């Protein structure tokens, strides 16, 4: 972003707040105006784009206590000062944020800035959900060496968030992210990644005097309706018939690698858990296990023959009291 003269701009008037406005008032005013003038809401409207950049610049200064204090002091003295995005590097600033937001990326990604004082647009506009594809934003950065002279530094890191399937997390996958300038970055997601973990892609951030920064991708994993992750282990619930539970049986059980045959011990009740070693989440040191909880299925529609069999069983076990010890177990 080109530098701007603070003295020539009334940031309070731009946001429509008073000079003694609180941080909360500034934030609310910015959000309201950003929603109204955001280019996505006003496609092809150059004035809306200009206004959006103007209110974002105002919010950047007024939402940062130090910058706001300097701005107020300069305005009070009537002096002038040049304003650049925090970090002074000239890269990874507001152009990156605006460029990524205006880019029609393919979902699954939200954008944010990593430097202090930058606008937090992820909180305002939220995340786009979808398959692993989208865009990424920039964050300001810079550094200074001895004697007050700027030292060459790498460009700022960029950040992105992408959503992948449960299978993609278990087996590993590759997603493509698109930047505002059209650059497509392929990001390899390792097998076993957890929801919320980050993947670093070196050399794919903003350019700088000492080379490009990195791209930091936060990975979100969709939940699965059958497999439930518990650390590096997986848990599932498998129904069995009364006969299978009482007499024992060998049943087919789904795993990440297809069905396997599992032996159900005779006399198994609902809640009994069987452990399948090495059938869980892939990990660097050791693959987790798969825990299978049995659930005895009670039929709701019995044929005459089945009803007679159940009644015969009831007569054969008439003297058995399965609740005999409840009173003892429930005593205080």
Protein backbone atom coordinates (compact mmCIF):
# COMPACT_ATOMS: atom_id res chain seq x y z
CA UNK A 1 0.00 0.00 0.00
CA UNK A 2 1.34 3.46 -0.84
CA UNK A 3 2.10 5.65 2.19
CA UNK A 4 -0.56 8.19 3.17
CA UNK A 5 -0.38 11.45 5.08
CA UNK A 6 -2.03 11.01 8.44
CA UNK A 7 -2.44 14.76 8.77
CA UNK A 8 -4.56 14.93 5.62
CA UNK A 9 -7.06 12.31 6.73
CA UNK A 10 -9.63 12.44 9.51
CA UNK A 11 -9.86 8.77 10.44
CA UNK A 12 -12.50 9.49 13.09
CA UNK A 13 -14.76 11.11 10.51
CA UNK A 14 -14.15 8.25 8.07
CA UNK A 15 -15.42 5.74 10.65
CA UNK A 16 -18.12 8.11 11.91
CA UNK A 17 -16.98 8.06 15.55
CA UNK A 18 -15.96 10.75 18.01
CA UNK A 19 -12.32 11.43 18.95
CA UNK A 20 -12.90 9.89 22.40
CA UNK A 21 -14.52 6.73 20.97
CA UNK A 22 -13.70 3.53 22.80
CA UNK A 23 -11.96 0.57 21.20
CA UNK A 24 -15.32 -1.22 21.13
CA UNK A 25 -17.01 1.73 19.39
CA UNK A 26 -14.30 1.79 16.73
CA UNK A 27 -14.58 -1.93 16.15
CA UNK A 28 -18.37 -1.79 15.80
CA UNK A 29 -18.23 1.16 13.42
CA UNK A 30 -15.61 -0.52 11.25
CA UNK A 31 -17.57 -3.78 11.04
CA UNK A 32 -20.75 -1.97 10.04
CA UNK A 33 -19.04 0.06 7.32
CA UNK A 34 -16.95 -2.88 6.10
CA UNK A 35 -20.07 -4.97 5.56
CA UNK A 36 -21.71 -2.13 3.66
CA UNK A 37 -18.79 -1.28 1.37
CA UNK A 38 -17.09 -4.66 0.95
CA UNK A 39 -16.42 -5.28 -2.77
CA UNK A 40 -18.09 -8.68 -2.61
CA UNK A 41 -21.32 -6.85 -1.78
CA UNK A 42 -20.68 -4.22 -4.48
CA UNK A 43 -19.13 -6.00 -7.49
CA UNK A 44 -17.67 -3.65 -10.06
CA UNK A 45 -18.23 -0.58 -7.85
CA UNK A 46 -14.90 1.30 -7.79
CA UNK A 47 -16.20 3.82 -5.26
CA UNK A 48 -17.17 1.06 -2.83
CA UNK A 49 -13.71 -0.47 -3.21
CA UNK A 50 -12.07 2.89 -2.53
CA UNK A 51 -14.28 3.46 0.50
CA UNK A 52 -13.56 -0.01 1.83
CA UNK A 53 -9.80 0.57 1.65
CA UNK A 54 -10.24 3.98 3.30
CA UNK A 55 -12.19 2.66 6.30
CA UNK A 56 -9.79 -0.26 6.66
CA UNK A 57 -6.85 2.14 6.81
CA UNK A 58 -8.68 4.20 9.43
CA UNK A 59 -9.44 1.13 11.50
CA UNK A 60 -5.83 -0.05 11.28
CA UNK A 61 -4.59 3.17 12.86
CA UNK A 62 -7.33 3.79 15.41
CA UNK A 63 -7.56 0.18 16.64
CA UNK A 64 -3.84 0.17 17.52
CA UNK A 65 -3.27 2.17 20.77
CA UNK A 66 0.25 3.24 19.85
CA UNK A 67 -0.61 4.32 16.32
CA UNK A 68 -3.73 6.09 17.55
CA UNK A 69 -1.70 8.03 20.14
CA UNK A 70 0.82 9.10 17.49
CA UNK A 71 -1.97 10.04 15.09
CA UNK A 72 -3.77 12.14 17.72
CA UNK A 73 -0.52 13.89 18.63
CA UNK A 74 0.28 14.73 15.00
CA UNK A 75 -3.24 16.00 14.35
CA UNK A 76 -3.10 18.14 17.49
CA UNK A 77 0.22 19.70 16.45
CA UNK A 78 -0.92 20.20 12.89
CA UNK A 79 2.20 18.47 11.63
CA UNK A 80 2.55 15.85 8.94
CA UNK A 81 3.77 12.28 8.90
CA UNK A 82 4.00 9.49 6.38
CA UNK A 83 2.04 6.33 7.10
CA UNK A 84 2.92 2.85 5.93
CA UNK A 85 1.59 -0.52 6.90
CA UNK A 86 3.12 -1.92 10.14
CA UNK A 87 6.43 -3.66 9.60
CA UNK A 88 7.75 -1.19 7.03
CA UNK A 89 8.69 -3.96 4.61
CA UNK A 90 6.39 -2.81 1.84
CA UNK A 91 5.22 -6.40 1.26
CA UNK A 92 2.47 -8.52 2.67
CA UNK A 93 0.48 -5.34 3.52
CA UNK A 94 -2.99 -4.21 2.63
CA UNK A 95 -2.71 -5.07 -1.08
CA UNK A 96 -2.39 -8.73 -0.08
CA UNK A 97 -5.44 -8.59 2.16
CA UNK A 98 -7.59 -6.76 -0.38
CA UNK A 99 -6.30 -8.78 -3.31
CA UNK A 100 -7.13 -12.08 -1.65
CA UNK A 101 -10.58 -10.92 -0.59
CA UNK A 102 -11.39 -9.70 -4.10
CA UNK A 103 -10.09 -12.94 -5.63
CA UNK A 104 -12.92 -15.36 -6.32
CA UNK A 105 -11.18 -18.29 -4.58
CA UNK A 106 -12.86 -21.70 -4.54
CA UNK A 107 -14.04 -22.01 -0.93
CA UNK A 108 -12.56 -23.96 1.95
CA UNK A 109 -10.34 -21.01 2.92
CA UNK A 110 -10.52 -17.90 5.04
CA UNK A 111 -8.02 -15.06 5.07
CA UNK A 112 -6.23 -13.29 7.90
CA UNK A 113 -3.29 -10.98 8.55
CA UNK A 114 -0.52 -12.10 10.85
CA UNK A 115 0.90 -8.72 11.91
CA UNK A 116 -0.18 -6.45 14.76
CA UNK A 117 -2.60 -3.70 13.85
CA UNK A 118 -3.84 -5.36 10.67
CA UNK A 119 -7.58 -5.82 10.11
CA UNK A 120 -9.01 -9.06 11.43
CA UNK A 121 -11.23 -9.92 8.49
CA UNK A 122 -11.63 -13.60 9.37
CA UNK A 123 -13.78 -12.63 12.37
CA UNK A 124 -15.86 -10.29 10.22
CA UNK A 125 -16.52 -12.40 7.15
CA UNK A 126 -15.98 -15.93 8.48
CA UNK A 127 -14.70 -18.97 6.63
CA UNK A 128 -15.80 -20.35 3.29
CA UNK A 129 -16.44 -24.09 3.53
CA UNK A 130 -15.84 -26.61 0.81
CA UNK A 131 -13.20 -28.92 -0.60
CA UNK A 132 -9.53 -28.11 -0.10
CA UNK A 133 -9.18 -25.15 -2.42
CA UNK A 134 -9.15 -21.37 -1.98
CA UNK A 135 -6.78 -18.44 -1.46
CA UNK A 136 -4.47 -17.02 1.14
CA UNK A 137 -3.70 -13.61 2.62
CA UNK A 138 -0.60 -11.73 3.73
CA UNK A 139 0.82 -10.43 6.99
CA UNK A 140 3.17 -7.47 7.41
CA UNK A 141 6.73 -7.93 8.61
CA UNK A 142 10.16 -6.37 8.68
CA UNK A 143 13.27 -6.03 10.79
CA UNK A 144 16.10 -3.60 11.67
CA UNK A 145 19.81 -4.23 12.14
CA UNK A 146 22.40 -2.29 14.10
CA UNK A 147 22.85 1.49 14.03
CA UNK A 148 19.16 2.00 13.24
CA UNK A 149 19.51 0.77 9.65
CA UNK A 150 16.99 -1.65 8.13
CA UNK A 151 18.46 -5.12 7.69
CA UNK A 152 17.42 -7.41 4.85
CA UNK A 153 14.69 -9.72 6.01
CA UNK A 154 12.50 -12.44 4.60
CA UNK A 155 9.04 -11.57 3.46
CA UNK A 156 6.09 -11.95 5.82
CA UNK A 157 4.34 -15.27 6.29
CA UNK A 158 0.92 -15.70 4.76
CA UNK A 159 -1.91 -17.64 6.36
CA UNK A 160 -4.79 -19.73 5.05
CA UNK A 161 -7.40 -22.15 6.39
CA UNK A 162 -8.62 -25.14 4.40
CA UNK A 163 -11.17 -27.87 5.15
CA UNK A 164 -10.56 -31.50 4.21
CA UNK A 165 -12.51 -34.73 4.53
CA UNK A 166 -11.99 -37.25 7.34
CA UNK A 167 -10.56 -39.69 4.80
CA UNK A 168 -8.13 -37.03 3.57
CA UNK A 169 -6.93 -36.54 7.14
CA UNK A 170 -6.47 -40.27 7.70
CA UNK A 171 -4.79 -41.10 4.39
CA UNK A 172 -3.14 -37.78 3.56
CA UNK A 173 -4.09 -35.57 0.63
CA UNK A 174 -3.02 -32.54 -1.41
CA UNK A 175 -5.00 -29.29 -1.65
CA UNK A 176 -4.48 -26.33 -3.97
CA UNK A 177 -4.67 -22.73 -2.75
CA UNK A 178 -4.87 -19.79 -5.13
CA UNK A 179 -3.39 -16.34 -4.40
CA UNK A 180 -4.76 -13.06 -5.70
CA UNK A 181 -2.02 -12.87 -8.34
CA UNK A 182 -3.08 -16.25 -9.72
CA UNK A 183 -0.27 -18.27 -8.16
CA UNK A 184 -1.45 -21.76 -7.21
CA UNK A 185 0.27 -23.45 -4.28
CA UNK A 186 -0.11 -27.19 -3.78
CA UNK A 187 -0.12 -28.08 -0.09
CA UNK A 188 0.60 -31.66 0.94
CA UNK A 189 -1.44 -32.68 3.99
CA UNK A 190 0.25 -35.55 5.89
CA UNK A 191 -1.71 -38.64 6.95
CA UNK A 192 -3.00 -38.50 10.52
CA UNK A 193 -3.25 -34.70 10.76
CA UNK A 194 -5.52 -33.44 13.54
CA UNK A 195 -8.25 -30.84 13.28
CA UNK A 196 -6.71 -27.38 13.83
CA UNK A 197 -3.11 -28.37 13.11
CA UNK A 198 -0.99 -26.21 10.81
CA UNK A 199 1.09 -27.12 7.76
CA UNK A 200 4.04 -24.92 6.76
CA UNK A 201 4.87 -24.47 3.08
CA UNK A 202 8.31 -22.87 2.94
CA UNK A 203 9.03 -20.10 0.46
CA UNK A 204 5.40 -19.47 -0.50
CA UNK A 205 4.77 -16.36 1.58
CA UNK A 206 5.26 -12.70 0.72
CA UNK A 207 8.50 -11.65 -1.05
CA UNK A 208 11.24 -9.84 0.85
CA UNK A 209 14.82 -8.66 0.47
CA UNK A 210 16.15 -11.92 1.93
CA UNK A 211 13.67 -14.19 0.19
CA UNK A 212 10.02 -15.13 0.51
CA UNK A 213 8.30 -15.94 3.76
CA UNK A 214 6.28 -19.10 4.36
CA UNK A 215 2.65 -20.06 3.93
CA UNK A 216 1.00 -21.32 7.13
CA UNK A 217 -2.11 -23.40 6.45
CA UNK A 218 -4.53 -24.28 9.26
CA UNK A 219 -6.31 -27.55 8.48
CA UNK A 220 -9.87 -28.22 9.55
CA UNK A 221 -11.12 -31.81 9.39
CA UNK A 222 -14.78 -32.70 8.85
CA UNK A 223 -16.26 -35.15 11.36
CA UNK A 224 -17.16 -38.66 10.22
CA UNK A 225 -20.60 -40.15 11.02
CA UNK A 226 -19.16 -43.58 11.90
CA UNK A 227 -15.50 -43.28 12.90
CA UNK A 228 -14.76 -41.15 15.97
CA UNK A 229 -11.19 -40.08 16.68
CA UNK A 230 -9.72 -40.32 20.18
CA UNK A 231 -6.11 -39.16 19.97
CA UNK A 232 -4.47 -41.66 17.62
CA UNK A 233 -7.18 -44.26 18.28
CA UNK A 234 -10.51 -44.70 16.53
CA UNK A 235 -13.80 -45.79 18.09
CA UNK A 236 -16.84 -47.31 16.37
CA UNK A 237 -20.10 -48.96 17.48
CA UNK A 238 -21.11 -52.22 15.80
CA UNK A 239 -24.56 -53.87 16.27
CA UNK A 240 -24.80 -57.65 16.86
CA UNK A 241 -27.83 -59.90 17.20
CA UNK A 242 -28.85 -61.47 20.49
CA UNK A 243 -27.83 -64.88 19.17
CA UNK A 244 -24.39 -63.59 18.11
CA UNK A 245 -23.86 -61.97 21.50
CA UNK A 246 -25.08 -64.97 23.50
CA UNK A 247 -23.54 -67.80 21.49
CA UNK A 248 -20.52 -66.01 20.02
CA UNK A 249 -19.88 -65.32 16.34
CA UNK A 250 -17.49 -63.89 13.78
CA UNK A 251 -18.73 -60.64 12.24
CA UNK A 252 -17.49 -58.19 9.58
CA UNK A 253 -16.24 -54.87 10.97
CA UNK A 254 -15.36 -51.79 8.82
CA UNK A 255 -11.87 -50.26 9.23
CA UNK A 256 -9.96 -47.52 7.41
CA UNK A 257 -8.53 -50.22 5.14
CA UNK A 258 -11.73 -52.17 4.49
CA UNK A 259 -13.66 -54.85 6.35
CA UNK A 260 -12.02 -57.35 8.68
CA UNK A 261 -13.47 -60.40 10.44
CA UNK A 262 -13.73 -60.05 14.21
CA UNK A 263 -14.61 -62.74 16.75
CA UNK A 264 -17.39 -61.86 19.19
CA UNK A 265 -16.95 -63.87 22.40
CA UNK A 266 -19.96 -65.84 23.66
CA UNK A 267 -21.84 -64.02 26.39
CA UNK A 268 -20.97 -60.52 25.13
CA UNK A 269 -23.33 -57.76 26.23
CA UNK A 270 -23.97 -54.26 24.96
CA UNK A 271 -21.03 -52.02 25.77
CA UNK A 272 -18.37 -54.71 25.51
CA UNK A 273 -15.33 -53.29 23.71
CA UNK A 274 -13.03 -55.24 21.40
CA UNK A 275 -9.58 -53.89 20.50
CA UNK A 276 -8.09 -54.17 17.02
CA UNK A 277 -4.40 -53.24 17.24
CA UNK A 278 -2.89 -51.08 14.50
CA UNK A 279 -6.22 -50.25 12.90
CA UNK A 280 -6.41 -46.66 14.12
CA UNK A 281 -4.92 -43.33 13.01
CA UNK A 282 -1.58 -43.44 11.15
CA UNK A 283 1.19 -41.82 13.23
CA UNK A 284 4.94 -41.34 12.88
CA UNK A 285 5.90 -43.50 15.85
CA UNK A 286 3.01 -45.94 16.10
CA UNK A 287 -0.36 -46.34 14.42
CA UNK A 288 -3.27 -46.15 16.84
CA UNK A 289 -5.84 -48.87 17.56
CA UNK A 290 -9.48 -49.35 16.63
CA UNK A 291 -11.89 -49.92 19.53
CA UNK A 292 -15.13 -51.71 18.61
CA UNK A 293 -18.06 -51.31 21.02
CA UNK A 294 -20.73 -53.98 20.66
CA UNK A 295 -24.39 -53.07 20.79
CA UNK A 296 -26.95 -55.87 21.05
CA UNK A 297 -29.75 -55.10 18.60
CA UNK A 298 -33.26 -55.82 19.89
CA UNK A 299 -35.70 -56.74 17.08
CA UNK A 300 -38.89 -54.69 16.92
CA UNK A 301 -40.89 -56.87 14.53
CA UNK A 302 -40.83 -60.59 15.36
CA UNK A 303 -42.24 -63.32 13.17
CA UNK A 304 -44.47 -65.93 14.83
CA UNK A 305 -41.65 -68.44 14.76
CA UNK A 306 -39.17 -65.97 16.27
CA UNK A 307 -41.65 -64.96 18.98
CA UNK A 308 -42.19 -68.61 19.93
CA UNK A 309 -38.41 -69.08 20.15
CA UNK A 310 -38.04 -66.04 22.42
CA UNK A 311 -40.91 -67.23 24.62
CA UNK A 312 -39.28 -70.66 24.84
CA UNK A 313 -36.03 -69.00 25.87
CA UNK A 314 -37.85 -66.96 28.51
CA UNK A 315 -39.35 -70.13 29.98
CA UNK A 316 -35.97 -71.84 29.96
CA UNK A 317 -34.34 -68.97 31.88
CA UNK A 318 -37.28 -68.13 34.11
CA UNK A 319 -35.29 -68.55 37.34
CA UNK A 320 -32.52 -66.14 36.31
CA UNK A 321 -32.58 -62.72 37.99
CA UNK A 322 -30.29 -60.32 36.12
CA UNK A 323 -31.08 -57.53 38.62
CA UNK A 324 -30.41 -59.43 41.81
CA UNK A 325 -27.52 -57.27 42.96
CA UNK A 326 -28.94 -53.88 42.02
CA UNK A 327 -30.05 -53.00 45.56
CA UNK A 328 -26.61 -53.82 46.93
CA UNK A 329 -24.84 -51.86 44.24
CA UNK A 330 -27.16 -48.87 44.77
CA UNK A 331 -26.77 -48.76 48.58
CA UNK A 332 -25.08 -45.71 50.13
